[in-house]
Amino acid sequence: MTNGTPPPVVSPVDLAAQLIAQFAAINEAIASGTSSVSYDGKSVTYRSLAELFRARDDLMQRLIALGLLPAAPSRTSVAAYNDGVAPSDYYYDRYSWRSWR
């Protein structure tokens, strides 16, 4: 507050647009290898690439919390080994390998 005037109220839509603009600008800076980011008439210079990555990760978590970015899906992988049996003889039914026969 300066001189008794309250800070301007930012609508959720404007806040989301600002966060997305910051996120896009940081991703562009990372892709180009620079440590200076400009968005919305503002400019920020980060000290290192690591600091830029931390800022991006922070913004990403905010965007995920607001529902503006999807959370990373969990990944599951299954290892299959060939013991001389043709791969088409078996299928995986979510619990174990089963024979088609």
C-alpha atoms as a PDB file:
ATOM      1  CA  MET A   1       0.000   0.000   0.000  1.00  0.00           C
ATOM      2  CA  THR A   2       1.314   3.370  -0.985  1.00  0.00           C
ATOM      3  CA  ASN A   3      -0.272   6.568   0.278  1.00  0.00           C
ATOM      4  CA  GLY A   4      -3.250   4.651   1.646  1.00  0.00           C
ATOM      5  CA  THR A   5      -4.319   3.179  -1.688  1.00  0.00           C
ATOM      6  CA  PRO A   6      -4.877  -0.572  -1.760  1.00  0.00           C
ATOM      7  CA  PRO A   7      -3.112  -2.710  -4.351  1.00  0.00           C
ATOM      8  CA  PRO A   8      -5.123  -3.467  -7.487  1.00  0.00           C
ATOM      9  CA  VAL A   9      -7.330  -6.541  -7.320  1.00  0.00           C
ATOM     10  CA  VAL A  10      -6.308  -9.223  -9.815  1.00  0.00           C
ATOM     11  CA  SER A  11      -9.035 -11.509 -11.103  1.00  0.00           C
ATOM     12  CA  PRO A  12      -8.383 -15.274 -11.173  1.00  0.00           C
ATOM     13  CA  VAL A  13      -8.492 -15.214 -14.975  1.00  0.00           C
ATOM     14  CA  ASP A  14      -5.849 -12.469 -15.102  1.00  0.00           C
ATOM     15  CA  LEU A  15      -3.713 -14.324 -12.570  1.00  0.00           C
ATOM     16  CA  ALA A  16      -3.939 -17.519 -14.633  1.00  0.00           C
ATOM     17  CA  ALA A  17      -2.993 -15.600 -17.781  1.00  0.00           C
ATOM     18  CA  GLN A  18       0.011 -14.055 -16.002  1.00  0.00           C
ATOM     19  CA  LEU A  19       1.202 -17.439 -14.713  1.00  0.00           C
ATOM     20  CA  ILE A  20       0.866 -19.000 -18.170  1.00  0.00           C
ATOM     21  CA  ALA A  21       2.764 -16.081 -19.756  1.00  0.00           C
ATOM     22  CA  GLN A  22       5.553 -16.445 -17.166  1.00  0.00           C
ATOM     23  CA  PHE A  23       5.700 -20.200 -17.702  1.00  0.00           C
ATOM     24  CA  ALA A  24       5.925 -19.808 -21.485  1.00  0.00           C
ATOM     25  CA  ALA A  25       8.625 -17.127 -21.187  1.00  0.00           C
ATOM     26  CA  ILE A  26      10.705 -19.269 -18.817  1.00  0.00           C
ATOM     27  CA  ASN A  27      10.413 -22.279 -21.138  1.00  0.00           C
ATOM     28  CA  GLU A  28      11.553 -20.117 -24.067  1.00  0.00           C
ATOM     29  CA  ALA A  29      14.547 -18.870 -22.054  1.00  0.00           C
ATOM     30  CA  ILE A  30      15.505 -22.433 -21.113  1.00  0.00           C
ATOM     31  CA  ALA A  31      15.204 -23.565 -24.727  1.00  0.00           C
ATOM     32  CA  SER A  32      17.334 -20.671 -25.987  1.00  0.00           C
ATOM     33  CA  GLY A  33      19.918 -21.016 -23.205  1.00  0.00           C
ATOM     34  CA  THR A  34      19.524 -17.483 -21.862  1.00  0.00           C
ATOM     35  CA  SER A  35      18.988 -16.530 -18.236  1.00  0.00           C
ATOM     36  CA  SER A  36      16.926 -13.420 -18.957  1.00  0.00           C
ATOM     37  CA  VAL A  37      13.125 -13.694 -19.115  1.00  0.00           C
ATOM     38  CA  SER A  38      10.743 -11.020 -20.413  1.00  0.00           C
ATOM     39  CA  TYR A  39       6.953 -11.117 -20.217  1.00  0.00           C
ATOM     40  CA  ASP A  40       4.172  -8.575 -19.882  1.00  0.00           C
ATOM     41  CA  GLY A  41       6.624  -5.663 -20.132  1.00  0.00           C
ATOM     42  CA  LYS A  42       8.665  -7.020 -17.209  1.00  0.00           C
ATOM     43  CA  SER A  43      12.167  -8.457 -17.330  1.00  0.00           C
ATOM     44  CA  VAL A  44      13.911 -10.790 -14.889  1.00  0.00           C
ATOM     45  CA  THR A  45      17.480 -12.060 -15.077  1.00  0.00           C
ATOM     46  CA  TYR A  46      18.177 -15.286 -13.203  1.00  0.00           C
ATOM     47  CA  ARG A  47      21.610 -16.013 -11.745  1.00  0.00           C
ATOM     48  CA  SER A  48      21.874 -19.532 -13.119  1.00  0.00           C
ATOM     49  CA  LEU A  49      20.121 -22.111 -15.213  1.00  0.00           C
ATOM     50  CA  ALA A  50      19.379 -24.062 -12.024  1.00  0.00           C
ATOM     51  CA  GLU A  51      17.509 -21.052 -10.620  1.00  0.00           C
ATOM     52  CA  LEU A  52      15.563 -20.818 -13.878  1.00  0.00           C
ATOM     53  CA  PHE A  53      14.614 -24.502 -13.593  1.00  0.00           C
ATOM     54  CA  ARG A  54      13.469 -23.969  -9.982  1.00  0.00           C
ATOM     55  CA  ALA A  55      11.303 -21.028 -11.058  1.00  0.00           C
ATOM     56  CA  ARG A  56       9.811 -23.131 -13.860  1.00  0.00           C
ATOM     57  CA  ASP A  57       9.109 -26.031 -11.493  1.00  0.00           C
ATOM     58  CA  ASP A  58       7.443 -23.667  -9.011  1.00  0.00           C
ATOM     59  CA  LEU A  59       5.238 -22.190 -11.736  1.00  0.00           C
ATOM     60  CA  MET A  60       4.436 -25.677 -13.024  1.00  0.00           C
ATOM     61  CA  GLN A  61       3.250 -26.753  -9.550  1.00  0.00           C
ATOM     62  CA  ARG A  62       1.077 -23.630  -9.286  1.00  0.00           C
ATOM     63  CA  LEU A  63      -0.460 -24.274 -12.705  1.00  0.00           C
ATOM     64  CA  ILE A  64      -1.126 -27.917 -11.799  1.00  0.00           C
ATOM     65  CA  ALA A  65      -2.728 -26.842  -8.494  1.00  0.00           C
ATOM     66  CA  LEU A  66      -4.987 -24.425 -10.383  1.00  0.00           C
ATOM     67  CA  GLY A  67      -5.929 -27.152 -12.850  1.00  0.00           C
ATOM     68  CA  LEU A  68      -4.342 -25.319 -15.790  1.00  0.00           C
ATOM     69  CA  LEU A  69      -1.767 -28.053 -16.456  1.00  0.00           C
ATOM     70  CA  PRO A  70      -2.375 -31.782 -16.187  1.00  0.00           C
ATOM     71  CA  ALA A  71      -0.395 -33.626 -13.533  1.00  0.00           C
ATOM     72  CA  ALA A  72       2.145 -36.083 -14.882  1.00  0.00           C
ATOM     73  CA  PRO A  73       0.570 -39.526 -15.217  1.00  0.00           C
ATOM     74  CA  SER A  74       2.034 -42.335 -13.180  1.00  0.00           C
ATOM     75  CA  ARG A  75       3.875 -44.858 -15.289  1.00  0.00           C
ATOM     76  CA  THR A  76       3.928 -48.603 -14.976  1.00  0.00           C
ATOM     77  CA  SER A  77       6.119 -50.870 -17.012  1.00  0.00           C
ATOM     78  CA  VAL A  78       6.208 -54.619 -17.378  1.00  0.00           C
ATOM     79  CA  ALA A  79       9.354 -56.516 -18.248  1.00  0.00           C
ATOM     80  CA  ALA A  80       8.917 -59.554 -20.477  1.00  0.00           C
ATOM     81  CA  TYR A  81      11.558 -62.155 -21.051  1.00  0.00           C
ATOM     82  CA  ASN A  82      11.649 -64.609 -23.907  1.00  0.00           C
ATOM     83  CA  ASP A  83      12.256 -68.160 -22.774  1.00  0.00           C
ATOM     84  CA  GLY A  84      11.940 -69.659 -26.237  1.00  0.00           C
ATOM     85  CA  VAL A  85       8.155 -69.438 -26.336  1.00  0.00           C
ATOM     86  CA  ALA A  86       6.622 -67.324 -29.062  1.00  0.00           C
ATOM     87  CA  PRO A  87       5.406 -63.955 -27.681  1.00  0.00           C
ATOM     88  CA  SER A  88       1.971 -64.507 -29.186  1.00  0.00           C
ATOM     89  CA  ASP A  89       1.433 -67.578 -26.966  1.00  0.00           C
ATOM     90  CA  TYR A  90       0.991 -65.425 -23.843  1.00  0.00           C
ATOM     91  CA  TYR A  91      -0.823 -62.271 -22.800  1.00  0.00           C
ATOM     92  CA  TYR A  92      -0.750 -60.187 -19.633  1.00  0.00           C
ATOM     93  CA  ASP A  93      -4.123 -59.881 -17.877  1.00  0.00           C
ATOM     94  CA  ARG A  94      -3.132 -57.249 -15.277  1.00  0.00           C
ATOM     95  CA  TYR A  95      -2.164 -59.840 -12.678  1.00  0.00           C
ATOM     96  CA  SER A  96       0.011 -62.399 -14.439  1.00  0.00           C
ATOM     97  CA  TRP A  97       1.037 -63.831 -17.756  1.00  0.00           C
ATOM     98  CA  ARG A  98      -1.522 -66.298 -19.150  1.00  0.00           C
ATOM     99  CA  SER A  99      -1.503 -68.645 -22.070  1.00  0.00           C
ATOM    100  CA  TRP A 100      -3.905 -68.228 -24.979  1.00  0.00           C
ATOM    101  CA  ARG A 101      -4.198 -72.004 -25.124  1.00  0.00           C
END
